[in-house]
């Protein structure tokens, strides 16, 4: 039978992909192309007067060409040092970054762009998972364009239990001169009235000095 696709249905499917916080737009493009193909296909089945077979073939070839042109794999790949993540489901990239190893073994990663700053404070550069909370040795601080500071050491509500985990930083590789890893966290202002979330974060081949 002929299947109807309402504007609400299309919006829900696209919104679900956007909220996944993908670091590239290929999934959104693929979803849109798939929705369009399904819509045209069922219109064709319902009324072959609207579309001839040759027309449908052209549409399919066009969609394949678009997906091939823009498709670059589902995984984010880096060829040069980089640090990026999804900040509140929007892509955030650092334009500068470095890592400093102190004499006591503590590691600080400094990153940011023209208007915002992101700093990681870790007790070491060992390849392992570092938990972020109000009582952990590890901490992440973010300063936004309004100079408001957020920290993973702050609780969501003043007076809350400080041992609640707010995220993780994972160092997956230290090759002797650079570090690579992933991160995700929620950080709060000191009064708990403001928050910022980072997910699917990646730092790749950050030089350590």
N, C-alpha and C. Protein backbone atom coordinates (compact mmCIF):
# COMPACT_ATOMS: atom_id res chain seq x y z
N UNK A 1 0.83 -1.20 0.00
CA UNK A 1 0.00 0.00 0.00
C UNK A 1 0.86 1.25 0.00
N UNK A 2 0.25 2.35 -0.42
CA UNK A 2 0.95 3.63 -0.47
C UNK A 2 1.19 4.15 0.94
N UNK A 3 2.46 4.49 1.28
CA UNK A 3 2.82 4.94 2.63
C UNK A 3 3.07 6.45 2.61
N UNK A 4 2.48 7.13 3.58
CA UNK A 4 2.63 8.58 3.66
C UNK A 4 3.80 8.93 4.59
N UNK A 5 4.56 9.97 4.20
CA UNK A 5 5.65 10.46 5.02
C UNK A 5 5.36 11.92 5.34
N UNK A 6 4.99 12.20 6.56
CA UNK A 6 4.67 13.57 6.96
C UNK A 6 5.94 14.34 7.25
N UNK A 7 5.81 15.68 7.26
CA UNK A 7 6.94 16.53 7.59
C UNK A 7 7.43 16.26 9.00
N UNK A 8 6.51 15.92 9.92
CA UNK A 8 6.89 15.64 11.30
C UNK A 8 7.78 14.41 11.37
N UNK A 9 7.43 13.37 10.59
CA UNK A 9 8.22 12.14 10.59
C UNK A 9 9.63 12.43 10.12
N UNK A 10 9.77 13.19 9.04
CA UNK A 10 11.09 13.52 8.50
C UNK A 10 11.88 14.32 9.52
N UNK A 11 11.25 15.30 10.17
CA UNK A 11 11.94 16.13 11.15
C UNK A 11 12.44 15.28 12.32
N UNK A 12 11.63 14.32 12.77
CA UNK A 12 12.03 13.48 13.90
C UNK A 12 13.24 12.62 13.54
N UNK A 13 13.25 12.07 12.32
CA UNK A 13 14.37 11.22 11.93
C UNK A 13 15.65 12.02 11.83
N UNK A 14 15.57 13.22 11.24
CA UNK A 14 16.77 14.05 11.11
C UNK A 14 17.22 14.53 12.48
N UNK A 15 16.28 14.93 13.35
CA UNK A 15 16.64 15.42 14.67
C UNK A 15 17.34 14.35 15.49
N UNK A 16 16.94 13.09 15.33
CA UNK A 16 17.56 12.02 16.09
C UNK A 16 19.02 11.84 15.72
N UNK A 17 19.34 12.09 14.45
CA UNK A 17 20.73 11.98 14.01
C UNK A 17 21.54 13.15 14.54
N UNK A 18 20.96 14.36 14.48
CA UNK A 18 21.66 15.55 14.97
C UNK A 18 21.99 15.41 16.44
N UNK A 19 21.04 14.91 17.25
CA UNK A 19 21.25 14.81 18.68
C UNK A 19 22.23 13.72 19.05
N UNK A 20 22.59 12.85 18.12
CA UNK A 20 23.62 11.85 18.40
C UNK A 20 24.98 12.51 18.56
N UNK A 21 25.11 13.77 18.12
CA UNK A 21 26.36 14.49 18.28
C UNK A 21 27.48 13.93 17.44
N UNK A 22 27.24 13.59 16.20
CA UNK A 22 28.27 13.06 15.33
C UNK A 22 29.29 14.14 15.02
N UNK A 23 30.53 13.75 14.88
CA UNK A 23 31.57 14.72 14.58
C UNK A 23 31.65 15.05 13.10
N UNK A 24 31.01 14.27 12.25
CA UNK A 24 30.95 14.64 10.85
C UNK A 24 29.50 14.60 10.40
N UNK A 25 29.26 15.16 9.23
CA UNK A 25 27.90 15.32 8.74
C UNK A 25 27.45 14.19 7.83
N UNK A 26 28.26 13.16 7.70
CA UNK A 26 27.90 12.10 6.76
C UNK A 26 26.62 11.38 7.17
N UNK A 27 26.45 11.11 8.48
CA UNK A 27 25.26 10.41 8.93
C UNK A 27 24.01 11.22 8.64
N UNK A 28 24.10 12.54 8.83
CA UNK A 28 22.96 13.39 8.53
C UNK A 28 22.64 13.34 7.05
N UNK A 29 23.68 13.40 6.21
CA UNK A 29 23.48 13.34 4.76
C UNK A 29 22.89 12.01 4.35
N UNK A 30 23.43 10.92 4.91
CA UNK A 30 22.92 9.59 4.56
C UNK A 30 21.46 9.43 4.99
N UNK A 31 21.13 9.93 6.17
CA UNK A 31 19.75 9.83 6.65
C UNK A 31 18.80 10.61 5.76
N UNK A 32 19.20 11.83 5.41
CA UNK A 32 18.35 12.65 4.56
C UNK A 32 18.15 11.98 3.20
N UNK A 33 19.24 11.43 2.64
CA UNK A 33 19.15 10.76 1.35
C UNK A 33 18.25 9.54 1.43
N UNK A 34 18.36 8.78 2.53
CA UNK A 34 17.55 7.58 2.70
C UNK A 34 16.08 7.93 2.84
N UNK A 35 15.79 8.99 3.63
CA UNK A 35 14.40 9.43 3.79
C UNK A 35 13.83 9.87 2.45
N UNK A 36 14.61 10.64 1.69
CA UNK A 36 14.15 11.10 0.38
C UNK A 36 13.89 9.94 -0.55
N UNK A 37 14.80 8.94 -0.53
CA UNK A 37 14.63 7.78 -1.40
C UNK A 37 13.37 7.01 -1.03
N UNK A 38 13.14 6.81 0.29
CA UNK A 38 11.95 6.08 0.72
C UNK A 38 10.68 6.82 0.29
N UNK A 39 10.70 8.13 0.44
CA UNK A 39 9.52 8.92 0.09
C UNK A 39 9.21 8.79 -1.40
N UNK A 40 10.24 8.96 -2.22
CA UNK A 40 10.03 8.88 -3.67
C UNK A 40 9.63 7.47 -4.10
N UNK A 41 10.22 6.46 -3.42
CA UNK A 41 9.91 5.08 -3.78
C UNK A 41 8.45 4.75 -3.53
N UNK A 42 7.93 5.17 -2.36
CA UNK A 42 6.54 4.86 -2.04
C UNK A 42 5.58 5.71 -2.86
N UNK A 43 6.01 6.91 -3.23
CA UNK A 43 5.18 7.70 -4.14
C UNK A 43 5.09 7.00 -5.48
N UNK A 44 6.23 6.43 -5.92
CA UNK A 44 6.25 5.70 -7.18
C UNK A 44 5.34 4.48 -7.13
N UNK A 45 5.38 3.76 -6.01
CA UNK A 45 4.51 2.59 -5.88
C UNK A 45 3.04 2.98 -5.86
N UNK A 46 2.75 4.13 -5.24
CA UNK A 46 1.36 4.55 -5.11
C UNK A 46 0.78 5.12 -6.38
N UNK A 47 1.63 5.73 -7.18
CA UNK A 47 1.12 6.34 -8.41
C UNK A 47 2.23 6.35 -9.45
N UNK A 48 2.22 5.35 -10.33
CA UNK A 48 3.25 5.30 -11.34
C UNK A 48 3.07 6.36 -12.42
N UNK A 49 2.00 7.16 -12.32
CA UNK A 49 1.81 8.27 -13.25
C UNK A 49 2.75 9.42 -12.93
N UNK A 50 3.15 9.50 -11.64
CA UNK A 50 4.01 10.61 -11.24
C UNK A 50 5.45 10.38 -11.66
N UNK A 51 5.89 9.14 -11.56
CA UNK A 51 7.27 8.83 -11.89
C UNK A 51 7.32 7.63 -12.84
N UNK A 52 8.12 7.75 -13.83
CA UNK A 52 8.42 6.62 -14.67
C UNK A 52 9.63 5.90 -14.09
N UNK A 53 9.85 4.68 -14.53
CA UNK A 53 10.98 3.91 -14.00
C UNK A 53 12.29 4.61 -14.28
N UNK A 54 12.41 5.22 -15.44
CA UNK A 54 13.63 5.93 -15.79
C UNK A 54 13.89 7.10 -14.86
N UNK A 55 12.83 7.77 -14.43
CA UNK A 55 12.98 8.89 -13.50
C UNK A 55 13.49 8.40 -12.15
N UNK A 56 12.94 7.29 -11.66
CA UNK A 56 13.39 6.74 -10.38
C UNK A 56 14.84 6.32 -10.45
N UNK A 57 15.23 5.77 -11.60
CA UNK A 57 16.62 5.34 -11.77
C UNK A 57 17.57 6.53 -11.68
N UNK A 58 17.15 7.66 -12.26
CA UNK A 58 17.97 8.87 -12.20
C UNK A 58 18.10 9.37 -10.77
N UNK A 59 17.00 9.31 -10.02
CA UNK A 59 17.02 9.76 -8.63
C UNK A 59 17.98 8.90 -7.81
N UNK A 60 17.91 7.57 -7.98
CA UNK A 60 18.78 6.66 -7.25
C UNK A 60 20.24 6.93 -7.57
N UNK A 61 20.56 7.11 -8.84
CA UNK A 61 21.93 7.38 -9.25
C UNK A 61 22.43 8.70 -8.67
N UNK A 62 21.53 9.70 -8.61
CA UNK A 62 21.90 10.99 -8.04
C UNK A 62 22.22 10.86 -6.56
N UNK A 63 21.39 10.11 -5.82
CA UNK A 63 21.63 9.92 -4.39
C UNK A 63 22.94 9.18 -4.14
N UNK A 64 23.21 8.16 -4.96
CA UNK A 64 24.46 7.42 -4.82
C UNK A 64 25.66 8.33 -5.08
N UNK A 65 25.55 9.19 -6.08
CA UNK A 65 26.64 10.11 -6.40
C UNK A 65 26.90 11.08 -5.26
N UNK A 66 25.81 11.60 -4.65
CA UNK A 66 25.97 12.55 -3.54
C UNK A 66 26.63 11.87 -2.35
N UNK A 67 26.16 10.66 -2.01
CA UNK A 67 26.71 9.96 -0.84
C UNK A 67 28.16 9.56 -1.07
N UNK A 68 28.52 9.23 -2.31
CA UNK A 68 29.91 8.89 -2.62
C UNK A 68 30.80 10.11 -2.55
N UNK A 69 30.29 11.24 -3.02
CA UNK A 69 31.08 12.47 -3.04
C UNK A 69 31.41 12.94 -1.64
N UNK A 70 30.41 12.90 -0.75
CA UNK A 70 30.61 13.43 0.60
C UNK A 70 30.97 12.38 1.62
N UNK A 71 30.81 11.10 1.28
CA UNK A 71 31.10 10.06 2.24
C UNK A 71 32.58 9.92 2.49
N UNK A 72 32.96 9.82 3.76
CA UNK A 72 34.37 9.68 4.11
C UNK A 72 34.54 8.77 5.31
N UNK A 73 33.56 7.88 5.54
CA UNK A 73 33.67 6.95 6.65
C UNK A 73 32.97 7.48 7.88
N UNK A 74 32.53 6.57 8.74
CA UNK A 74 31.82 6.95 9.94
C UNK A 74 32.76 7.41 11.04
N UNK A 75 34.04 7.00 10.99
CA UNK A 75 34.95 7.33 12.05
C UNK A 75 35.73 8.59 11.68
N UNK A 76 36.01 9.41 12.74
CA UNK A 76 36.80 10.60 12.54
C UNK A 76 38.25 10.19 12.41
N UNK A 77 38.92 10.67 11.37
CA UNK A 77 40.30 10.33 11.13
C UNK A 77 41.13 11.60 11.13
N UNK A 78 42.34 11.53 11.73
CA UNK A 78 43.23 12.66 11.80
C UNK A 78 44.55 12.30 11.16
N UNK A 79 45.14 13.24 10.44
CA UNK A 79 46.46 13.07 9.88
C UNK A 79 47.47 13.99 10.55
N UNK A 80 47.01 14.97 11.29
CA UNK A 80 47.86 15.92 11.99
C UNK A 80 47.35 16.08 13.41
N UNK A 81 48.17 16.61 14.33
CA UNK A 81 47.70 16.82 15.71
C UNK A 81 46.41 17.62 15.75
N UNK A 82 45.49 17.23 16.62
CA UNK A 82 44.19 17.90 16.69
C UNK A 82 43.54 17.64 18.04
N UNK A 83 42.61 18.52 18.39
CA UNK A 83 41.77 18.34 19.57
C UNK A 83 40.39 18.88 19.25
N UNK A 84 39.39 18.03 19.34
CA UNK A 84 38.03 18.44 19.04
C UNK A 84 37.02 17.58 19.78
N UNK A 85 35.78 18.07 19.83
CA UNK A 85 34.71 17.36 20.53
C UNK A 85 33.38 17.96 20.12
N UNK A 86 32.32 17.40 20.65
CA UNK A 86 31.00 18.02 20.54
C UNK A 86 30.73 18.77 21.84
N UNK A 87 30.53 20.07 21.74
CA UNK A 87 30.17 20.87 22.90
C UNK A 87 28.69 21.17 22.82
N UNK A 88 27.91 20.61 23.75
CA UNK A 88 26.45 20.76 23.72
C UNK A 88 25.90 20.40 22.33
N UNK A 89 26.43 19.29 21.77
CA UNK A 89 25.99 18.73 20.49
C UNK A 89 26.36 19.59 19.28
N UNK A 90 27.32 20.50 19.46
CA UNK A 90 27.85 21.28 18.34
C UNK A 90 29.35 21.03 18.27
N UNK A 91 29.87 20.87 17.04
CA UNK A 91 31.28 20.59 16.87
C UNK A 91 32.13 21.73 17.42
N UNK A 92 33.12 21.39 18.25
CA UNK A 92 34.04 22.36 18.83
C UNK A 92 35.45 21.92 18.51
N UNK A 93 36.25 22.81 17.91
CA UNK A 93 37.63 22.50 17.55
C UNK A 93 38.58 23.50 18.21
N UNK A 94 39.69 22.98 18.70
CA UNK A 94 40.73 23.85 19.24
C UNK A 94 41.64 24.28 18.09
N UNK A 95 42.00 25.55 18.09
CA UNK A 95 42.93 26.06 17.08
C UNK A 95 44.36 26.09 17.61
N UNK A 96 44.50 25.91 18.92
CA UNK A 96 45.84 25.78 19.50
C UNK A 96 45.76 24.76 20.64
N UNK A 97 46.86 24.10 20.91
CA UNK A 97 46.91 23.09 21.97
C UNK A 97 48.35 22.70 22.23
N UNK A 98 48.63 22.33 23.45
CA UNK A 98 49.92 21.74 23.81
C UNK A 98 49.76 21.01 25.13
N UNK A 99 50.75 20.21 25.47
CA UNK A 99 50.73 19.44 26.71
C UNK A 99 52.05 19.68 27.44
N UNK A 100 51.94 19.93 28.74
CA UNK A 100 53.12 20.23 29.55
C UNK A 100 53.21 19.21 30.67
N UNK A 101 54.38 18.57 30.78
CA UNK A 101 54.63 17.60 31.84
C UNK A 101 55.48 18.28 32.92
N UNK A 102 54.92 18.38 34.12
CA UNK A 102 55.63 19.04 35.22
C UNK A 102 56.65 18.09 35.85
N UNK A 103 57.53 18.64 36.66
CA UNK A 103 58.57 17.84 37.31
C UNK A 103 57.96 16.80 38.25
N UNK A 104 56.79 17.10 38.81
CA UNK A 104 56.15 16.14 39.72
C UNK A 104 55.35 15.07 38.97
N UNK A 105 55.39 15.09 37.63
CA UNK A 105 54.72 14.07 36.84
C UNK A 105 53.32 14.42 36.40
N UNK A 106 52.81 15.56 36.87
CA UNK A 106 51.46 15.97 36.49
C UNK A 106 51.45 16.50 35.06
N UNK A 107 50.35 16.22 34.35
CA UNK A 107 50.21 16.61 32.95
C UNK A 107 49.10 17.65 32.81
N UNK A 108 49.39 18.70 32.07
CA UNK A 108 48.39 19.72 31.76
C UNK A 108 48.27 19.85 30.24
N UNK A 109 47.05 19.73 29.75
CA UNK A 109 46.79 19.95 28.32
C UNK A 109 46.05 21.27 28.19
N UNK A 110 46.62 22.20 27.46
CA UNK A 110 46.01 23.51 27.24
C UNK A 110 45.52 23.58 25.80
N UNK A 111 44.25 23.96 25.62
CA UNK A 111 43.68 24.04 24.28
C UNK A 111 42.66 25.17 24.24
N UNK A 112 42.32 25.60 23.03
CA UNK A 112 41.32 26.64 22.91
C UNK A 112 41.25 27.21 21.51
N UNK A 113 40.44 28.24 21.38
CA UNK A 113 40.34 28.97 20.12
C UNK A 113 40.31 30.47 20.45
N UNK A 114 39.83 31.28 19.55
CA UNK A 114 39.88 32.72 19.75
C UNK A 114 39.00 33.20 20.90
N UNK A 115 37.96 32.43 21.23
CA UNK A 115 37.00 32.93 22.23
C UNK A 115 36.81 32.01 23.43
N UNK A 116 37.31 30.77 23.38
CA UNK A 116 37.08 29.83 24.47
C UNK A 116 38.36 29.06 24.80
N UNK A 117 38.42 28.53 26.01
CA UNK A 117 39.62 27.83 26.47
C UNK A 117 39.23 26.54 27.19
N UNK A 118 40.04 25.51 26.99
CA UNK A 118 39.79 24.20 27.59
C UNK A 118 41.10 23.66 28.16
N UNK A 119 41.13 23.38 29.46
CA UNK A 119 42.34 22.89 30.12
C UNK A 119 42.08 21.57 30.83
N UNK A 120 43.00 20.63 30.65
CA UNK A 120 42.94 19.33 31.31
C UNK A 120 44.08 19.26 32.33
N UNK A 121 43.78 18.86 33.55
CA UNK A 121 44.79 18.64 34.58
C UNK A 121 44.74 17.19 35.02
N UNK A 122 45.80 16.43 34.73
CA UNK A 122 45.85 15.00 35.03
C UNK A 122 47.06 14.69 35.90
N UNK A 123 46.97 13.67 36.75
CA UNK A 123 48.08 13.36 37.66
C UNK A 123 49.28 12.70 36.98
N UNK A 124 49.11 12.22 35.74
CA UNK A 124 50.21 11.58 35.04
C UNK A 124 49.87 11.51 33.55
N UNK A 125 50.80 10.96 32.77
CA UNK A 125 50.51 10.72 31.36
C UNK A 125 50.49 9.23 31.04
N UNK A 126 50.25 8.41 32.05
CA UNK A 126 50.13 6.98 31.84
C UNK A 126 48.90 6.66 30.99
N UNK A 127 49.01 5.60 30.23
CA UNK A 127 47.90 5.18 29.37
C UNK A 127 46.85 4.47 30.22
N UNK A 128 45.84 5.22 30.61
CA UNK A 128 44.76 4.66 31.44
C UNK A 128 43.58 5.63 31.45
N UNK A 129 42.54 5.27 32.21
CA UNK A 129 41.33 6.10 32.33
C UNK A 129 41.42 6.96 33.58
N UNK A 130 41.12 8.25 33.43
CA UNK A 130 41.14 9.20 34.53
C UNK A 130 39.71 9.68 34.79
N UNK A 131 39.21 9.37 35.97
CA UNK A 131 37.85 9.77 36.34
C UNK A 131 37.84 11.23 36.75
N UNK A 132 36.75 11.92 36.41
CA UNK A 132 36.60 13.34 36.73
C UNK A 132 35.49 13.51 37.76
N UNK A 133 35.83 14.07 38.90
CA UNK A 133 34.83 14.32 39.95
C UNK A 133 35.36 15.40 40.87
N UNK A 134 34.58 15.72 41.89
CA UNK A 134 34.99 16.75 42.83
C UNK A 134 36.12 16.34 43.75
N UNK A 135 36.40 15.03 43.85
CA UNK A 135 37.45 14.56 44.75
C UNK A 135 38.59 13.87 44.00
N UNK A 136 38.52 13.79 42.67
CA UNK A 136 39.56 13.12 41.91
C UNK A 136 40.76 14.05 41.69
N UNK A 137 41.90 13.46 41.40
CA UNK A 137 43.10 14.24 41.09
C UNK A 137 43.02 14.87 39.71
N UNK A 138 42.12 14.39 38.89
CA UNK A 138 41.98 14.89 37.52
C UNK A 138 40.86 15.92 37.45
N UNK A 139 41.04 16.90 36.62
CA UNK A 139 40.05 17.97 36.50
C UNK A 139 40.11 18.57 35.11
N UNK A 140 38.95 19.02 34.61
CA UNK A 140 38.89 19.76 33.35
C UNK A 140 38.18 21.08 33.62
N UNK A 141 38.75 22.16 33.10
CA UNK A 141 38.18 23.49 33.25
C UNK A 141 37.93 24.09 31.88
N UNK A 142 36.72 24.62 31.69
CA UNK A 142 36.35 25.26 30.42
C UNK A 142 35.96 26.71 30.70
N UNK A 143 36.46 27.64 29.88
CA UNK A 143 36.10 29.05 29.99
C UNK A 143 35.44 29.48 28.68
N UNK A 144 34.21 29.96 28.76
CA UNK A 144 33.46 30.28 27.55
C UNK A 144 33.72 31.71 27.08
N UNK A 145 33.00 32.11 26.03
CA UNK A 145 33.21 33.41 25.41
C UNK A 145 32.78 34.57 26.31
N UNK A 146 32.02 34.28 27.37
CA UNK A 146 31.64 35.31 28.33
C UNK A 146 32.56 35.32 29.55
N UNK A 147 33.66 34.57 29.44
CA UNK A 147 34.64 34.43 30.51
C UNK A 147 34.07 33.73 31.74
N UNK A 148 33.01 32.95 31.53
CA UNK A 148 32.44 32.15 32.61
C UNK A 148 33.21 30.84 32.72
N UNK A 149 33.56 30.47 33.93
CA UNK A 149 34.37 29.27 34.15
C UNK A 149 33.50 28.09 34.58
N UNK A 150 33.79 26.92 34.01
CA UNK A 150 33.11 25.67 34.34
C UNK A 150 34.17 24.66 34.74
N UNK A 151 33.88 23.83 35.73
CA UNK A 151 34.85 22.83 36.16
C UNK A 151 34.16 21.50 36.47
N UNK A 152 34.87 20.41 36.17
CA UNK A 152 34.34 19.08 36.51
C UNK A 152 34.45 18.83 38.01
N UNK A 153 35.18 19.70 38.73
CA UNK A 153 35.29 19.56 40.18
C UNK A 153 34.09 20.17 40.90
N UNK A 154 33.28 20.94 40.17
CA UNK A 154 32.09 21.55 40.78
C UNK A 154 30.91 20.59 40.69
N UNK A 155 30.12 20.49 41.75
CA UNK A 155 28.91 19.64 41.69
C UNK A 155 27.80 20.36 40.92
N UNK A 156 26.86 19.58 40.45
CA UNK A 156 25.72 20.16 39.73
C UNK A 156 24.94 21.10 40.63
N UNK A 157 24.81 20.71 41.88
CA UNK A 157 24.13 21.55 42.88
C UNK A 157 25.05 21.70 44.08
N UNK A 158 25.33 22.93 44.52
CA UNK A 158 26.17 23.11 45.71
C UNK A 158 25.64 22.29 46.88
N UNK A 159 26.54 21.55 47.49
CA UNK A 159 26.13 20.68 48.60
C UNK A 159 25.95 19.24 48.19
N UNK A 160 25.95 18.95 46.87
CA UNK A 160 25.84 17.57 46.41
C UNK A 160 27.10 16.78 46.75
N UNK A 161 26.99 15.47 46.64
CA UNK A 161 28.12 14.58 46.89
C UNK A 161 29.21 14.83 45.85
N UNK A 162 30.44 15.12 46.30
CA UNK A 162 31.52 15.46 45.39
C UNK A 162 32.12 14.25 44.68
N UNK A 163 31.82 13.03 45.13
CA UNK A 163 32.43 11.86 44.49
C UNK A 163 31.64 11.38 43.28
N UNK A 164 30.60 12.09 42.90
CA UNK A 164 29.83 11.73 41.71
C UNK A 164 30.67 12.02 40.46
N UNK A 165 30.79 11.02 39.59
CA UNK A 165 31.63 11.17 38.40
C UNK A 165 30.97 12.10 37.39
N UNK A 166 31.76 13.04 36.88
CA UNK A 166 31.29 13.99 35.86
C UNK A 166 31.87 13.72 34.48
N UNK A 167 32.65 12.66 34.35
CA UNK A 167 33.21 12.33 33.05
C UNK A 167 34.51 11.56 33.16
N UNK A 168 35.17 11.39 32.01
CA UNK A 168 36.41 10.63 31.95
C UNK A 168 37.35 11.21 30.89
N UNK A 169 38.63 11.08 31.15
CA UNK A 169 39.67 11.32 30.15
C UNK A 169 40.45 10.03 30.02
N UNK A 170 40.62 9.56 28.80
CA UNK A 170 41.35 8.31 28.57
C UNK A 170 42.57 8.60 27.69
N UNK A 171 43.75 8.37 28.23
CA UNK A 171 44.97 8.44 27.41
C UNK A 171 45.19 7.06 26.81
N UNK A 172 45.07 6.98 25.51
CA UNK A 172 45.19 5.68 24.83
C UNK A 172 46.59 5.40 24.33
N UNK A 173 47.40 6.46 24.17
CA UNK A 173 48.76 6.24 23.67
C UNK A 173 49.68 7.40 24.06
N UNK A 174 50.86 7.04 24.57
CA UNK A 174 51.95 7.98 24.75
C UNK A 174 53.17 7.37 24.09
N UNK A 175 53.64 8.00 23.01
CA UNK A 175 54.73 7.42 22.22
C UNK A 175 56.09 7.97 22.58
N UNK A 176 56.16 8.68 23.71
CA UNK A 176 57.43 9.25 24.12
C UNK A 176 57.53 10.74 23.88
N UNK A 177 56.71 11.25 22.94
CA UNK A 177 56.74 12.68 22.64
C UNK A 177 55.36 13.29 22.42
N UNK A 178 54.36 12.44 22.13
CA UNK A 178 53.00 12.94 21.93
C UNK A 178 52.00 12.04 22.64
N UNK A 179 50.81 12.58 22.93
CA UNK A 179 49.75 11.79 23.55
C UNK A 179 48.50 11.81 22.70
N UNK A 180 47.75 10.72 22.78
CA UNK A 180 46.49 10.57 22.06
C UNK A 180 45.46 9.99 23.01
N UNK A 181 44.22 10.44 22.89
CA UNK A 181 43.19 9.89 23.76
C UNK A 181 41.81 10.44 23.47
N UNK A 182 40.90 10.17 24.38
CA UNK A 182 39.50 10.59 24.23
C UNK A 182 39.02 11.21 25.53
N UNK A 183 37.88 11.93 25.46
CA UNK A 183 37.32 12.51 26.67
C UNK A 183 35.84 12.80 26.50
N UNK A 184 35.17 12.86 27.66
CA UNK A 184 33.77 13.29 27.74
C UNK A 184 33.55 13.81 29.15
N UNK A 185 32.73 14.84 29.31
CA UNK A 185 32.49 15.35 30.66
C UNK A 185 31.34 16.34 30.68
N UNK A 186 30.80 16.54 31.88
CA UNK A 186 29.90 17.63 32.20
C UNK A 186 30.62 18.51 33.21
N UNK A 187 30.61 19.83 32.98
CA UNK A 187 31.25 20.76 33.89
C UNK A 187 30.24 21.82 34.31
N UNK A 188 30.40 22.32 35.54
CA UNK A 188 29.43 23.26 36.10
C UNK A 188 30.12 24.51 36.62
N UNK A 189 29.38 25.60 36.59
CA UNK A 189 29.88 26.83 37.20
C UNK A 189 29.89 26.65 38.72
N UNK A 190 30.58 27.54 39.43
CA UNK A 190 30.73 27.39 40.87
C UNK A 190 29.38 27.42 41.60
N UNK A 191 28.43 28.21 41.06
CA UNK A 191 27.11 28.29 41.70
C UNK A 191 26.14 27.22 41.21
N UNK A 192 26.57 26.41 40.24
CA UNK A 192 25.73 25.33 39.73
C UNK A 192 24.62 25.77 38.80
N UNK A 193 24.57 27.07 38.47
CA UNK A 193 23.49 27.58 37.63
C UNK A 193 23.75 27.38 36.14
N UNK A 194 24.99 27.11 35.76
CA UNK A 194 25.34 26.96 34.36
C UNK A 194 26.14 25.67 34.18
N UNK A 195 25.97 25.06 33.03
CA UNK A 195 26.67 23.81 32.75
C UNK A 195 27.07 23.75 31.28
N UNK A 196 28.04 22.91 31.00
CA UNK A 196 28.47 22.67 29.62
C UNK A 196 28.85 21.20 29.51
N UNK A 197 28.49 20.60 28.39
CA UNK A 197 28.79 19.19 28.18
C UNK A 197 29.63 18.97 26.94
N UNK A 198 30.65 18.14 27.08
CA UNK A 198 31.50 17.73 25.95
C UNK A 198 31.39 16.22 25.82
N UNK A 199 31.19 15.74 24.61
CA UNK A 199 31.20 14.30 24.37
C UNK A 199 31.91 14.00 23.06
N UNK A 200 32.28 12.73 22.89
CA UNK A 200 33.02 12.26 21.72
C UNK A 200 34.27 13.09 21.49
N UNK A 201 34.91 13.50 22.58
CA UNK A 201 36.14 14.29 22.48
C UNK A 201 37.34 13.45 22.09
N UNK A 202 38.20 14.03 21.29
CA UNK A 202 39.41 13.35 20.82
C UNK A 202 40.58 14.33 20.85
N UNK A 203 41.71 13.89 21.42
CA UNK A 203 42.97 14.63 21.22
C UNK A 203 43.96 13.66 20.58
N UNK A 204 44.63 14.13 19.54
CA UNK A 204 45.45 13.24 18.72
C UNK A 204 46.85 13.83 18.53
N UNK A 205 47.83 13.05 18.94
CA UNK A 205 49.25 13.39 18.75
C UNK A 205 49.57 14.80 19.27
N UNK A 206 49.11 15.10 20.48
CA UNK A 206 49.42 16.39 21.08
C UNK A 206 50.86 16.36 21.59
N UNK A 207 51.72 17.28 21.14
CA UNK A 207 53.12 17.26 21.60
C UNK A 207 53.22 17.52 23.10
N UNK A 208 54.09 16.77 23.77
CA UNK A 208 54.33 16.93 25.20
C UNK A 208 55.71 17.56 25.39
N UNK A 209 55.74 18.62 26.19
CA UNK A 209 57.02 19.27 26.45
C UNK A 209 57.27 19.39 27.96
